[in-house]
Protein backbone atom coordinates (compact mmCIF):
# COMPACT_ATOMS: atom_id res chain seq x y z
CA MET A 1 10.01 -1.59 4.19
CA LYS A 2 9.37 2.10 3.49
CA PHE A 3 10.37 3.78 0.25
CA LYS A 4 12.91 6.12 1.87
CA GLU A 5 14.57 3.18 3.59
CA PHE A 6 14.67 1.36 0.25
CA LEU A 7 16.34 4.33 -1.47
CA ASP A 8 19.01 4.42 1.22
CA LEU A 9 19.91 0.77 0.63
CA ASN A 10 22.62 -0.56 -1.61
CA ILE A 11 20.09 -2.99 -3.03
CA PHE A 12 22.71 -5.14 -4.74
CA ASP A 13 24.15 -6.02 -1.34
CA ASN A 14 20.79 -7.00 0.16
CA PHE A 15 18.14 -8.86 -1.83
CA HIS A 16 17.42 -9.62 -5.49
CA PHE A 17 13.64 -9.12 -5.79
CA TYR A 18 11.60 -6.14 -4.58
CA THR A 19 7.99 -5.11 -5.18
CA ILE A 20 7.39 -1.35 -5.06
CA LEU A 21 3.79 -0.28 -4.34
CA THR A 22 3.72 2.72 -6.66
CA LYS A 23 3.17 3.80 -10.25
CA ASP A 24 4.53 7.28 -9.54
CA LYS A 25 6.91 8.16 -12.38
CA LYS A 26 8.89 10.53 -10.16
CA LYS A 27 9.60 7.80 -7.62
CA ILE A 28 10.57 5.36 -10.37
CA GLN A 29 12.94 7.99 -11.75
CA LYS A 30 14.47 8.43 -8.30
CA ILE A 31 15.34 4.73 -8.31
CA LYS A 32 16.91 5.04 -11.76
CA ASP A 33 18.90 8.10 -10.70
CA LYS A 34 20.17 6.33 -7.60
CA ASN A 35 21.38 3.43 -9.75
CA ASN A 36 22.63 5.36 -12.78
CA ASP A 37 25.91 3.45 -12.82
CA VAL A 38 24.32 0.06 -13.56
CA GLU A 39 22.66 -1.47 -16.61
CA ILE A 40 18.90 -0.85 -16.51
CA LYS A 41 16.43 -3.00 -18.43
CA ASN A 42 12.93 -1.58 -18.55
CA TYR A 43 9.83 -3.68 -19.30
CA GLN A 44 6.50 -1.87 -19.29
CA GLY A 45 3.09 -1.77 -20.95
CA GLU A 46 -0.62 -2.31 -20.44
CA ARG A 47 -0.52 -6.06 -19.81
CA LEU A 48 2.15 -8.58 -18.85
CA THR A 49 1.43 -11.40 -21.29
CA MET A 50 3.00 -14.83 -21.62
CA ALA A 51 4.97 -13.56 -24.61
CA GLU A 52 6.34 -10.70 -22.49
CA SER A 53 7.18 -13.07 -19.64
CA ARG A 54 9.11 -15.36 -21.99
CA LYS A 55 10.97 -12.37 -23.40
CA ILE A 56 11.94 -11.19 -19.92
CA LYS A 57 13.07 -14.70 -18.88
CA SER A 58 15.14 -15.10 -22.02
CA GLU A 59 16.85 -11.72 -21.82
CA VAL A 60 17.61 -11.68 -18.10
CA SER A 61 18.92 -15.26 -18.05
CA ILE A 62 22.11 -13.98 -19.69
CA ILE A 63 24.48 -12.91 -16.90
CA PRO A 64 25.79 -9.35 -17.36
CA PRO A 65 29.38 -9.23 -18.71
CA SER A 66 32.40 -8.55 -16.48
CA ASN A 67 30.31 -8.75 -13.31
CA LYS A 68 28.41 -5.61 -14.30
CA LYS A 69 25.32 -5.02 -12.17
CA ARG A 70 21.88 -4.95 -13.75
CA LEU A 71 18.53 -3.56 -12.61
CA VAL A 72 15.38 -5.03 -14.18
CA LEU A 73 12.27 -2.81 -13.92
CA ILE A 74 8.92 -4.51 -14.60
CA ASN A 75 5.98 -2.12 -14.75
CA TYR A 76 2.66 -3.20 -16.31
CA ASP A 77 -0.90 -2.04 -15.69
CA PHE A 78 -2.12 -5.62 -15.43
CA PHE A 79 -0.26 -8.80 -14.46
CA ALA A 80 -1.97 -11.93 -15.81
CA GLU A 81 -1.76 -14.91 -13.44
CA ASP A 82 -0.18 -17.29 -15.95
CA SER A 83 2.43 -14.65 -16.80
CA GLN A 84 3.28 -14.23 -13.12
CA ASN A 85 3.64 -17.98 -12.74
CA ALA A 86 5.95 -18.07 -15.75
CA LEU A 87 8.35 -15.69 -13.99
CA LEU A 88 8.08 -17.28 -10.55
CA LYS A 89 11.18 -19.46 -10.82
CA THR A 90 13.25 -16.58 -12.20
CA PHE A 91 12.19 -14.33 -9.33
CA GLU A 92 12.79 -17.08 -6.76
CA GLU A 93 16.22 -18.24 -7.92
CA GLY A 94 17.47 -14.87 -9.14
CA VAL A 95 20.21 -14.14 -11.68
CA LYS A 96 23.79 -13.24 -10.78
CA ASN A 97 24.36 -9.47 -10.31
CA THR A 98 20.71 -8.76 -11.14
CA VAL A 99 18.00 -7.10 -9.03
CA PHE A 100 14.33 -7.27 -10.05
CA LEU A 101 11.95 -4.40 -9.25
CA LEU A 102 8.25 -5.02 -9.77
CA PHE A 103 5.95 -1.96 -9.75
CA VAL A 104 2.27 -2.40 -8.78
CA LYS A 105 -0.46 -0.23 -7.30
CA SER A 106 -1.49 -2.83 -4.76
CA LYS A 107 -0.40 -6.19 -3.38
CA ASN A 108 -3.79 -7.44 -4.60
CA ASP A 109 -2.40 -7.29 -8.15
CA LEU A 110 -0.01 -10.17 -7.42
CA LEU A 111 -0.29 -13.87 -6.64
CA LYS A 112 0.49 -14.97 -3.09
CA THR A 113 3.29 -17.15 -4.45
CA ILE A 114 4.96 -14.02 -5.87
CA LEU A 115 4.42 -12.01 -2.67
CA SER A 116 5.99 -14.75 -0.58
CA ARG A 117 9.24 -14.42 -2.55
CA THR A 118 9.62 -10.65 -2.65
CA LEU A 119 10.39 -7.78 -0.29
CA VAL A 120 7.52 -5.28 -0.43
CA VAL A 121 8.36 -1.57 -0.42
CA GLU A 122 5.51 0.66 0.72
CA VAL A 123 5.42 4.23 -0.52
CA GLU A 124 4.75 6.49 2.43
CA ASN A 125 2.90 9.81 2.28
CA ASN A 126 0.87 8.56 -0.64
CA PHE A 127 -1.50 11.38 -1.60
CA GLU A 128 -4.26 9.05 -2.74
CA SER A 129 -4.03 6.99 0.45
CA GLU A 130 -4.44 10.09 2.58
CA LEU A 131 -7.45 11.19 0.55
CA ALA A 132 -9.07 7.77 0.88
CA GLU A 133 -8.57 7.76 4.65
CA LYS A 134 -9.97 11.29 5.01
CA PHE A 135 -12.92 10.48 2.76
CA LEU A 136 -13.89 7.44 4.83
CA LYS A 137 -13.49 9.17 8.20
CA GLU A 138 -15.27 12.37 7.25
CA LYS A 139 -18.95 12.43 8.26
CA SER A 140 -19.84 15.85 6.88
CA TRP A 141 -20.98 15.62 3.26
CA LYS A 142 -19.95 19.24 2.62
CA LYS A 143 -16.37 18.38 3.60
CA ARG A 144 -16.59 15.12 1.68
CA GLU A 145 -17.54 17.05 -1.45
CA LYS A 146 -14.36 19.13 -1.16
CA LEU A 147 -12.35 15.94 -0.94
CA LEU A 148 -14.15 14.56 -3.99
CA ASP A 149 -12.84 17.44 -6.10
CA LYS A 150 -9.27 16.53 -5.10
CA ILE A 151 -9.89 12.83 -5.73
CA LYS A 152 -11.07 13.63 -9.27
CA GLU A 153 -7.72 15.30 -9.96
CA LYS A 154 -5.51 12.60 -8.41
CA ASP A 155 -7.36 9.30 -8.32
CA SER A 156 -4.73 6.73 -9.35
CA GLY A 157 -4.47 5.00 -5.99
CA PHE A 158 -7.75 5.91 -4.30
CA TRP A 159 -9.70 2.81 -5.37
CA GLU A 160 -6.82 0.46 -4.58
CA VAL A 161 -6.61 1.81 -1.02
CA LEU A 162 -10.32 1.16 -0.46
CA GLU A 163 -10.14 -2.30 -2.00
CA GLU A 164 -7.14 -3.37 0.07
CA ARG A 165 -8.57 -1.99 3.29
CA TYR A 166 -12.13 -3.31 3.03
CA PHE A 167 -12.12 -6.28 0.71
CA GLN A 168 -8.74 -8.02 1.01
CA GLU A 169 -9.79 -10.48 3.70
CA ASP A 170 -13.45 -11.28 4.35
CA LYS A 171 -15.42 -9.99 1.37
CA ASN A 172 -19.03 -8.90 1.62
CA PHE A 173 -19.63 -10.07 -1.94
CA GLU A 174 -22.75 -8.01 -2.53
CA LYS A 175 -20.99 -4.82 -1.43
CA TYR A 176 -17.79 -5.82 -3.26
CA GLU A 177 -19.71 -6.38 -6.50
CA LYS A 178 -21.24 -2.91 -6.19
CA PHE A 179 -17.81 -1.47 -5.42
CA LEU A 180 -16.35 -3.01 -8.60
CA GLU A 181 -19.29 -1.73 -10.67
CA LEU A 182 -18.69 1.80 -9.37
CA LYS A 183 -14.95 1.52 -9.98
CA LYS A 184 -15.52 0.45 -13.58
CA ALA A 185 -18.07 3.22 -14.17
CA TYR A 186 -15.75 5.79 -12.60
CA PHE A 187 -12.99 5.18 -15.13
CA GLN A 188 -15.35 4.80 -18.10
CA ASN A 189 -17.59 7.83 -17.44
CA GLY A 190 -15.34 10.76 -16.65
CA ASN A 191 -18.20 13.28 -16.64
CA ASP A 192 -20.01 11.51 -13.79
CA LYS A 193 -17.05 11.05 -11.46
CA LYS A 194 -18.43 13.10 -8.61
CA LYS A 195 -21.84 11.42 -8.74
CA ILE A 196 -20.18 7.99 -8.69
CA LEU A 197 -18.01 8.94 -5.72
CA ILE A 198 -21.06 10.13 -3.78
CA VAL A 199 -22.75 6.75 -4.36
CA LEU A 200 -19.49 5.07 -3.32
CA GLY A 201 -19.57 6.98 -0.03
CA LEU A 202 -22.90 5.34 0.79
CA LEU A 203 -21.20 1.92 0.80
CA PHE A 204 -18.97 2.75 3.74
């Protein structure tokens, strides 16, 4: 399902658990604005821990009063496997008058058991996705360098696009290990971003 199609839905009349492939604050705000007449519970942070999962389970298990509708937004930078498993039954069975929205950069962030129970919403016209595609297709290093300057400014989804496209199925582990090393270095060494991206280009 595409994001525009999702926004056009009355989600409370369709399904109870969606995964949105975005961290874009503007798109998340659009969802809130569209559903400004319902109760919104917002859970976010750097890491979804077991303690956070228990808190979410406990709070959302209480059915909203007077049949009021409730939207539960779950947006963490990292989803630990045990924490995902702890919420699996809640996501699967649902809660009356409640819709869960899970925000991730990539489907690779989630367990297959979670993905099999959710409707995935893909965000079209993703700027980082377009940059990644152009970067990989472009053979001229002069043109690649121009793209690198744009990637440095807006890089949130660039690495996830490459990882999903090239390493989701059959991994070349040697190349994948190098890819992960470059990814880690990229976010730790801001001054060397362009150099790291040039080395990355040699992998593909």
